[in-house]
Amino acid sequence: MRERDIDLSNRTPREVSTDELESCDVVATMGCSTLELDAENVDIRDWALDDPHGQDLDTVREIRDDIEQRVEMLFDEFYPDEP
């Protein structure tokens, strides 16, 4: 992420609570999720991404770029008139 000028050095992954997930409009999982929500108003999308753990740098970059593209498409879907 440093290549994109994003500093994650002080960030620690954490589990997201069910309450947090159920308060969302859209939840995108990365592909290895066993997510089961009892919330009919949450749009759950499984992006089926490869796990970057243990992958070579070029593969991790491809996964990062895929995530970036999918997030941009998601924003375009929800905010089609924004520049």
PDB file of N, CA and C in Angstrom:
ATOM      1  N   MET A   1       0.821  -1.191   0.000  1.00  0.00           N
ATOM      2  CA  MET A   1       0.000   0.000   0.000  1.00  0.00           C
ATOM      3  C   MET A   1       0.866   1.258   0.000  1.00  0.00           C
ATOM      4  N   ARG A   2       2.112   1.092   0.414  1.00  0.00           N
ATOM      5  CA  ARG A   2       3.026   2.233   0.368  1.00  0.00           C
ATOM      6  C   ARG A   2       3.160   2.771  -1.048  1.00  0.00           C
ATOM      7  N   GLU A   3       3.060   1.877  -2.038  1.00  0.00           N
ATOM      8  CA  GLU A   3       3.135   2.309  -3.432  1.00  0.00           C
ATOM      9  C   GLU A   3       2.012   3.278  -3.778  1.00  0.00           C
ATOM     10  N   ARG A   4       0.932   3.237  -3.022  1.00  0.00           N
ATOM     11  CA  ARG A   4      -0.218   4.126  -3.221  1.00  0.00           C
ATOM     12  C   ARG A   4      -0.248   5.237  -2.175  1.00  0.00           C
ATOM     13  N   ASP A   5       0.863   5.405  -1.466  1.00  0.00           N
ATOM     14  CA  ASP A   5       0.977   6.418  -0.401  1.00  0.00           C
ATOM     15  C   ASP A   5      -0.068   6.229   0.702  1.00  0.00           C
ATOM     16  N   ILE A   6      -0.327   4.971   1.037  1.00  0.00           N
ATOM     17  CA  ILE A   6      -1.237   4.642   2.133  1.00  0.00           C
ATOM     18  C   ILE A   6      -0.423   3.940   3.210  1.00  0.00           C
ATOM     19  N   ASP A   7      -0.346   4.564   4.364  1.00  0.00           N
ATOM     20  CA  ASP A   7       0.443   4.022   5.470  1.00  0.00           C
ATOM     21  C   ASP A   7      -0.444   3.158   6.360  1.00  0.00           C
ATOM     22  N   LEU A   8      -0.180   1.868   6.376  1.00  0.00           N
ATOM     23  CA  LEU A   8      -0.934   0.935   7.210  1.00  0.00           C
ATOM     24  C   LEU A   8      -0.107   0.423   8.382  1.00  0.00           C
ATOM     25  N   SER A   9       1.034   1.046   8.630  1.00  0.00           N
ATOM     26  CA  SER A   9       1.958   0.527   9.638  1.00  0.00           C
ATOM     27  C   SER A   9       1.369   0.511  11.051  1.00  0.00           C
ATOM     28  N   ASN A  10       0.449   1.414  11.333  1.00  0.00           N
ATOM     29  CA  ASN A  10      -0.126   1.448  12.680  1.00  0.00           C
ATOM     30  C   ASN A  10      -1.530   0.838  12.719  1.00  0.00           C
ATOM     31  N   ARG A  11      -1.908   0.121  11.674  1.00  0.00           N
ATOM     32  CA  ARG A  11      -3.233  -0.496  11.596  1.00  0.00           C
ATOM     33  C   ARG A  11      -3.149  -1.971  11.974  1.00  0.00           C
ATOM     34  N   THR A  12      -4.133  -2.438  12.695  1.00  0.00           N
ATOM     35  CA  THR A  12      -4.199  -3.837  13.096  1.00  0.00           C
ATOM     36  C   THR A  12      -5.540  -4.402  12.639  1.00  0.00           C
ATOM     37  N   PRO A  13      -5.524  -5.517  11.920  1.00  0.00           N
ATOM     38  CA  PRO A  13      -6.807  -6.111  11.516  1.00  0.00           C
ATOM     39  C   PRO A  13      -7.634  -6.476  12.743  1.00  0.00           C
ATOM     40  N   ARG A  14      -8.933  -6.362  12.615  1.00  0.00           N
ATOM     41  CA  ARG A  14      -9.821  -6.739  13.712  1.00  0.00           C
ATOM     42  C   ARG A  14     -11.075  -7.369  13.128  1.00  0.00           C
ATOM     43  N   GLU A  15     -11.734  -8.120  13.958  1.00  0.00           N
ATOM     44  CA  GLU A  15     -12.999  -8.720  13.556  1.00  0.00           C
ATOM     45  C   GLU A  15     -14.085  -7.653  13.572  1.00  0.00           C
ATOM     46  N   VAL A  16     -14.963  -7.715  12.596  1.00  0.00           N
ATOM     47  CA  VAL A  16     -16.089  -6.792  12.532  1.00  0.00           C
ATOM     48  C   VAL A  16     -17.283  -7.484  13.180  1.00  0.00           C
ATOM     49  N   SER A  17     -17.958  -6.783  14.054  1.00  0.00           N
ATOM     50  CA  SER A  17     -19.072  -7.398  14.785  1.00  0.00           C
ATOM     51  C   SER A  17     -20.293  -7.580  13.884  1.00  0.00           C
ATOM     52  N   THR A  18     -21.141  -8.494  14.272  1.00  0.00           N
ATOM     53  CA  THR A  18     -22.391  -8.728  13.547  1.00  0.00           C
ATOM     54  C   THR A  18     -23.249  -7.474  13.549  1.00  0.00           C
ATOM     55  N   ASP A  19     -23.289  -6.769  14.666  1.00  0.00           N
ATOM     56  CA  ASP A  19     -24.062  -5.522  14.733  1.00  0.00           C
ATOM     57  C   ASP A  19     -23.555  -4.501  13.718  1.00  0.00           C
ATOM     58  N   GLU A  20     -22.232  -4.381  13.601  1.00  0.00           N
ATOM     59  CA  GLU A  20     -21.668  -3.453  12.619  1.00  0.00           C
ATOM     60  C   GLU A  20     -22.063  -3.858  11.206  1.00  0.00           C
ATOM     61  N   LEU A  21     -21.955  -5.143  10.905  1.00  0.00           N
ATOM     62  CA  LEU A  21     -22.283  -5.631   9.569  1.00  0.00           C
ATOM     63  C   LEU A  21     -23.761  -5.445   9.247  1.00  0.00           C
ATOM     64  N   GLU A  22     -24.613  -5.715  10.217  1.00  0.00           N
ATOM     65  CA  GLU A  22     -26.050  -5.598   9.991  1.00  0.00           C
ATOM     66  C   GLU A  22     -26.509  -4.153   9.845  1.00  0.00           C
ATOM     67  N   SER A  23     -25.669  -3.197  10.216  1.00  0.00           N
ATOM     68  CA  SER A  23     -26.014  -1.784  10.048  1.00  0.00           C
ATOM     69  C   SER A  23     -25.575  -1.242   8.684  1.00  0.00           C
ATOM     70  N   CYS A  24     -24.944  -2.076   7.880  1.00  0.00           N
ATOM     71  CA  CYS A  24     -24.430  -1.655   6.573  1.00  0.00           C
ATOM     72  C   CYS A  24     -25.472  -1.823   5.475  1.00  0.00           C
ATOM     73  N   ASP A  25     -25.311  -1.057   4.412  1.00  0.00           N
ATOM     74  CA  ASP A  25     -26.119  -1.249   3.209  1.00  0.00           C
ATOM     75  C   ASP A  25     -25.537  -2.369   2.356  1.00  0.00           C
ATOM     76  N   VAL A  26     -24.205  -2.375   2.250  1.00  0.00           N
ATOM     77  CA  VAL A  26     -23.498  -3.369   1.440  1.00  0.00           C
ATOM     78  C   VAL A  26     -22.328  -3.901   2.246  1.00  0.00           C
ATOM     79  N   VAL A  27     -22.128  -5.211   2.182  1.00  0.00           N
ATOM     80  CA  VAL A  27     -20.959  -5.847   2.782  1.00  0.00           C
ATOM     81  C   VAL A  27     -20.276  -6.635   1.676  1.00  0.00           C
ATOM     82  N   ALA A  28     -19.014  -6.331   1.433  1.00  0.00           N
ATOM     83  CA  ALA A  28     -18.230  -7.069   0.445  1.00  0.00           C
ATOM     84  C   ALA A  28     -17.260  -7.970   1.186  1.00  0.00           C
ATOM     85  N   THR A  29     -17.359  -9.260   0.916  1.00  0.00           N
ATOM     86  CA  THR A  29     -16.427 -10.209   1.512  1.00  0.00           C
ATOM     87  C   THR A  29     -15.351 -10.516   0.486  1.00  0.00           C
ATOM     88  N   MET A  30     -14.219 -10.955   0.965  1.00  0.00           N
ATOM     89  CA  MET A  30     -13.067 -11.128   0.091  1.00  0.00           C
ATOM     90  C   MET A  30     -12.939 -12.523  -0.515  1.00  0.00           C
ATOM     91  N   GLY A  31     -13.833 -13.424  -0.176  1.00  0.00           N
ATOM     92  CA  GLY A  31     -13.811 -14.701  -0.863  1.00  0.00           C
ATOM     93  C   GLY A  31     -13.736 -15.921   0.022  1.00  0.00           C
ATOM     94  N   CYS A  32     -13.346 -15.754   1.253  1.00  0.00           N
ATOM     95  CA  CYS A  32     -13.214 -16.919   2.130  1.00  0.00           C
ATOM     96  C   CYS A  32     -14.170 -16.798   3.307  1.00  0.00           C
ATOM     97  N   SER A  33     -15.245 -16.100   3.084  1.00  0.00           N
ATOM     98  CA  SER A  33     -16.155 -15.794   4.181  1.00  0.00           C
ATOM     99  C   SER A  33     -17.184 -16.890   4.406  1.00  0.00           C
ATOM    100  N   THR A  34     -17.508 -17.063   5.648  1.00  0.00           N
ATOM    101  CA  THR A  34     -18.629 -17.915   6.038  1.00  0.00           C
ATOM    102  C   THR A  34     -19.711 -17.028   6.645  1.00  0.00           C
ATOM    103  N   LEU A  35     -19.746 -15.807   6.173  1.00  0.00           N
ATOM    104  CA  LEU A  35     -20.644 -14.792   6.708  1.00  0.00           C
ATOM    105  C   LEU A  35     -22.106 -15.199   6.534  1.00  0.00           C
ATOM    106  N   GLU A  36     -22.820 -15.160   7.623  1.00  0.00           N
ATOM    107  CA  GLU A  36     -24.258 -15.398   7.606  1.00  0.00           C
ATOM    108  C   GLU A  36     -24.914 -14.315   8.446  1.00  0.00           C
ATOM    109  N   LEU A  37     -25.609 -13.424   7.762  1.00  0.00           N
ATOM    110  CA  LEU A  37     -26.297 -12.340   8.459  1.00  0.00           C
ATOM    111  C   LEU A  37     -27.794 -12.566   8.385  1.00  0.00           C
ATOM    112  N   ASP A  38     -28.458 -12.212   9.446  1.00  0.00           N
ATOM    113  CA  ASP A  38     -29.907 -12.285   9.479  1.00  0.00           C
ATOM    114  C   ASP A  38     -30.459 -10.881   9.251  1.00  0.00           C
ATOM    115  N   ALA A  39     -30.000 -10.267   8.182  1.00  0.00           N
ATOM    116  CA  ALA A  39     -30.398  -8.897   7.875  1.00  0.00           C
ATOM    117  C   ALA A  39     -30.777  -8.829   6.401  1.00  0.00           C
ATOM    118  N   GLU A  40     -32.064  -8.777   6.142  1.00  0.00           N
ATOM    119  CA  GLU A  40     -32.526  -8.815   4.759  1.00  0.00           C
ATOM    120  C   GLU A  40     -32.221  -7.540   3.989  1.00  0.00           C
ATOM    121  N   ASN A  41     -31.888  -6.461   4.670  1.00  0.00           N
ATOM    122  CA  ASN A  41     -31.605  -5.200   3.995  1.00  0.00           C
ATOM    123  C   ASN A  41     -30.127  -4.998   3.683  1.00  0.00           C
ATOM    124  N   VAL A  42     -29.306  -5.998   3.955  1.00  0.00           N
ATOM    125  CA  VAL A  42     -27.872  -5.890   3.681  1.00  0.00           C
ATOM    126  C   VAL A  42     -27.568  -6.640   2.390  1.00  0.00           C
ATOM    127  N   ASP A  43     -26.963  -5.938   1.447  1.00  0.00           N
ATOM    128  CA  ASP A  43     -26.552  -6.534   0.177  1.00  0.00           C
ATOM    129  C   ASP A  43     -25.159  -7.134   0.383  1.00  0.00           C
ATOM    130  N   ILE A  44     -25.074  -8.460   0.423  1.00  0.00           N
ATOM    131  CA  ILE A  44     -23.797  -9.138   0.652  1.00  0.00           C
ATOM    132  C   ILE A  44     -23.220  -9.559  -0.688  1.00  0.00           C
ATOM    133  N   ARG A  45     -21.989  -9.138  -0.939  1.00  0.00           N
ATOM    134  CA  ARG A  45     -21.315  -9.471  -2.190  1.00  0.00           C
ATOM    135  C   ARG A  45     -20.002 -10.176  -1.882  1.00  0.00           C
ATOM    136  N   ASP A  46     -19.881 -11.369  -2.388  1.00  0.00           N
ATOM    137  CA  ASP A  46     -18.642 -12.126  -2.212  1.00  0.00           C
ATOM    138  C   ASP A  46     -17.780 -11.886  -3.439  1.00  0.00           C
ATOM    139  N   TRP A  47     -16.674 -11.200  -3.257  1.00  0.00           N
ATOM    140  CA  TRP A  47     -15.813 -10.850  -4.373  1.00  0.00           C
ATOM    141  C   TRP A  47     -14.877 -11.978  -4.783  1.00  0.00           C
ATOM    142  N   ALA A  48     -14.830 -13.055  -4.042  1.00  0.00           N
ATOM    143  CA  ALA A  48     -14.054 -14.250  -4.402  1.00  0.00           C
ATOM    144  C   ALA A  48     -12.619 -13.913  -4.817  1.00  0.00           C
ATOM    145  N   LEU A  49     -11.951 -13.145  -3.990  1.00  0.00           N
ATOM    146  CA  LEU A  49     -10.560 -12.767  -4.255  1.00  0.00           C
ATOM    147  C   LEU A  49      -9.617 -13.846  -3.745  1.00  0.00           C
ATOM    148  N   ASP A  50      -8.453 -13.934  -4.376  1.00  0.00           N
ATOM    149  CA  ASP A  50      -7.418 -14.830  -3.872  1.00  0.00           C
ATOM    150  C   ASP A  50      -6.871 -14.273  -2.562  1.00  0.00           C
ATOM    151  N   ASP A  51      -6.463 -15.160  -1.680  1.00  0.00           N
ATOM    152  CA  ASP A  51      -5.844 -14.753  -0.418  1.00  0.00           C
ATOM    153  C   ASP A  51      -4.429 -14.265  -0.717  1.00  0.00           C
ATOM    154  N   PRO A  52      -4.086 -13.028  -0.364  1.00  0.00           N
ATOM    155  CA  PRO A  52      -2.752 -12.517  -0.663  1.00  0.00           C
ATOM    156  C   PRO A  52      -1.654 -13.110   0.216  1.00  0.00           C
ATOM    157  N   HIS A  53      -2.039 -13.748   1.322  1.00  0.00           N
ATOM    158  CA  HIS A  53      -1.041 -14.294   2.250  1.00  0.00           C
ATOM    159  C   HIS A  53      -0.137 -15.301   1.533  1.00  0.00           C
ATOM    160  N   GLY A  54       1.166 -15.046   1.596  1.00  0.00           N
ATOM    161  CA  GLY A  54       2.145 -15.956   1.022  1.00  0.00           C
ATOM    162  C   GLY A  54       2.338 -15.814  -0.477  1.00  0.00           C
ATOM    163  N   GLN A  55       1.630 -14.895  -1.093  1.00  0.00           N
ATOM    164  CA  GLN A  55       1.756 -14.698  -2.540  1.00  0.00           C
ATOM    165  C   GLN A  55       2.952 -13.798  -2.846  1.00  0.00           C
ATOM    166  N   ASP A  56       3.443 -13.912  -4.079  1.00  0.00           N
ATOM    167  CA  ASP A  56       4.539 -13.034  -4.486  1.00  0.00           C
ATOM    168  C   ASP A  56       4.004 -11.614  -4.685  1.00  0.00           C
ATOM    169  N   LEU A  57       4.921 -10.656  -4.730  1.00  0.00           N
ATOM    170  CA  LEU A  57       4.556  -9.243  -4.760  1.00  0.00           C
ATOM    171  C   LEU A  57       3.674  -8.890  -5.954  1.00  0.00           C
ATOM    172  N   ASP A  58       3.977  -9.430  -7.127  1.00  0.00           N
ATOM    173  CA  ASP A  58       3.159  -9.110  -8.301  1.00  0.00           C
ATOM    174  C   ASP A  58       1.723  -9.597  -8.140  1.00  0.00           C
ATOM    175  N   THR A  59       1.545 -10.764  -7.546  1.00  0.00           N
ATOM    176  CA  THR A  59       0.199 -11.290  -7.317  1.00  0.00           C
ATOM    177  C   THR A  59      -0.545 -10.431  -6.307  1.00  0.00           C
ATOM    178  N   VAL A  60       0.139 -10.008  -5.253  1.00  0.00           N
ATOM    179  CA  VAL A  60      -0.488  -9.138  -4.252  1.00  0.00           C
ATOM    180  C   VAL A  60      -0.896  -7.813  -4.893  1.00  0.00           C
ATOM    181  N   ARG A  61      -0.074  -7.285  -5.768  1.00  0.00           N
ATOM    182  CA  ARG A  61      -0.427  -6.049  -6.472  1.00  0.00           C
ATOM    183  C   ARG A  61      -1.683  -6.246  -7.318  1.00  0.00           C
ATOM    184  N   GLU A  62      -1.779  -7.379  -7.996  1.00  0.00           N
ATOM    185  CA  GLU A  62      -2.965  -7.667  -8.808  1.00  0.00           C
ATOM    186  C   GLU A  62      -4.219  -7.723  -7.939  1.00  0.00           C
ATOM    187  N   ILE A  63      -4.112  -8.348  -6.781  1.00  0.00           N
ATOM    188  CA  ILE A  63      -5.250  -8.430  -5.858  1.00  0.00           C
ATOM    189  C   ILE A  63      -5.622  -7.034  -5.372  1.00  0.00           C
ATOM    190  N   ARG A  64      -4.619  -6.244  -5.001  1.00  0.00           N
ATOM    191  CA  ARG A  64      -4.858  -4.860  -4.557  1.00  0.00           C
ATOM    192  C   ARG A  64      -5.563  -4.057  -5.648  1.00  0.00           C
ATOM    193  N   ASP A  65      -5.085  -4.186  -6.877  1.00  0.00           N
ATOM    194  CA  ASP A  65      -5.676  -3.438  -7.982  1.00  0.00           C
ATOM    195  C   ASP A  65      -7.103  -3.897  -8.267  1.00  0.00           C
ATOM    196  N   ASP A  66      -7.352  -5.187  -8.110  1.00  0.00           N
ATOM    197  CA  ASP A  66      -8.699  -5.725  -8.295  1.00  0.00           C
ATOM    198  C   ASP A  66      -9.645  -5.144  -7.247  1.00  0.00           C
ATOM    199  N   ILE A  67      -9.198  -5.093  -6.002  1.00  0.00           N
ATOM    200  CA  ILE A  67     -10.017  -4.508  -4.933  1.00  0.00           C
ATOM    201  C   ILE A  67     -10.305  -3.040  -5.238  1.00  0.00           C
ATOM    202  N   GLU A  68      -9.280  -2.311  -5.648  1.00  0.00           N
ATOM    203  CA  GLU A  68      -9.461  -0.892  -5.966  1.00  0.00           C
ATOM    204  C   GLU A  68     -10.509  -0.705  -7.061  1.00  0.00           C
ATOM    205  N   GLN A  69     -10.425  -1.514  -8.106  1.00  0.00           N
ATOM    206  CA  GLN A  69     -11.374  -1.411  -9.210  1.00  0.00           C
ATOM    207  C   GLN A  69     -12.799  -1.742  -8.752  1.00  0.00           C
ATOM    208  N   ARG A  70     -12.942  -2.773  -7.936  1.00  0.00           N
ATOM    209  CA  ARG A  70     -14.270  -3.156  -7.449  1.00  0.00           C
ATOM    210  C   ARG A  70     -14.871  -2.082  -6.539  1.00  0.00           C
ATOM    211  N   VAL A  71     -14.044  -1.460  -5.708  1.00  0.00           N
ATOM    212  CA  VAL A  71     -14.540  -0.383  -4.840  1.00  0.00           C
ATOM    213  C   VAL A  71     -14.982   0.805  -5.691  1.00  0.00           C
ATOM    214  N   GLU A  72     -14.203   1.145  -6.703  1.00  0.00           N
ATOM    215  CA  GLU A  72     -14.584   2.243  -7.595  1.00  0.00           C
ATOM    216  C   GLU A  72     -15.908   1.940  -8.292  1.00  0.00           C
ATOM    217  N   MET A  73     -16.080   0.707  -8.760  1.00  0.00           N
ATOM    218  CA  MET A  73     -17.321   0.312  -9.421  1.00  0.00           C
ATOM    219  C   MET A  73     -18.503   0.369  -8.453  1.00  0.00           C
ATOM    220  N   LEU A  74     -18.262   0.011  -7.202  1.00  0.00           N
ATOM    221  CA  LEU A  74     -19.311   0.066  -6.187  1.00  0.00           C
ATOM    222  C   LEU A  74     -19.746   1.514  -5.947  1.00  0.00           C
ATOM    223  N   PHE A  75     -18.777   2.416  -5.848  1.00  0.00           N
ATOM    224  CA  PHE A  75     -19.114   3.830  -5.686  1.00  0.00           C
ATOM    225  C   PHE A  75     -19.860   4.346  -6.910  1.00  0.00           C
ATOM    226  N   ASP A  76     -19.425   3.945  -8.104  1.00  0.00           N
ATOM    227  CA  ASP A  76     -20.116   4.361  -9.326  1.00  0.00           C
ATOM    228  C   ASP A  76     -21.558   3.859  -9.348  1.00  0.00           C
ATOM    229  N   GLU A  77     -21.773   2.671  -8.817  1.00  0.00           N
ATOM    230  CA  GLU A  77     -23.121   2.100  -8.757  1.00  0.00           C
ATOM    231  C   GLU A  77     -24.028   2.914  -7.835  1.00  0.00           C
ATOM    232  N   PHE A  78     -23.507   3.326  -6.696  1.00  0.00           N
ATOM    233  CA  PHE A  78     -24.318   4.046  -5.724  1.00  0.00           C
ATOM    234  C   PHE A  78     -24.368   5.550  -5.973  1.00  0.00           C
ATOM    235  N   TYR A  79     -23.356   6.079  -6.629  1.00  0.00           N
ATOM    236  CA  TYR A  79     -23.291   7.520  -6.898  1.00  0.00           C
ATOM    237  C   TYR A  79     -22.967   7.750  -8.373  1.00  0.00           C
ATOM    238  N   PRO A  80     -23.875   7.380  -9.278  1.00  0.00           N
ATOM    239  CA  PRO A  80     -23.571   7.429 -10.711  1.00  0.00           C
ATOM    240  C   PRO A  80     -23.371   8.836 -11.266  1.00  0.00           C
ATOM    241  N   ASP A  81     -23.907   9.837 -10.617  1.00  0.00           N
ATOM    242  CA  ASP A  81     -23.809  11.201 -11.136  1.00  0.00           C
ATOM    243  C   ASP A  81     -22.643  11.991 -10.571  1.00  0.00           C
ATOM    244  N   GLU A  82     -21.851  11.371  -9.717  1.00  0.00           N
ATOM    245  CA  GLU A  82     -20.703  12.058  -9.123  1.00  0.00           C
ATOM    246  C   GLU A  82     -19.519  11.985 -10.084  1.00  0.00           C
ATOM    247  N   PRO A  83     -18.714  13.046 -10.135  1.00  0.00           N
ATOM    248  CA  PRO A  83     -17.528  13.034 -11.033  1.00  0.00           C
ATOM    249  C   PRO A  83     -16.446  12.094 -10.561  1.00  0.00           C
TER     250      PRO A  83
END
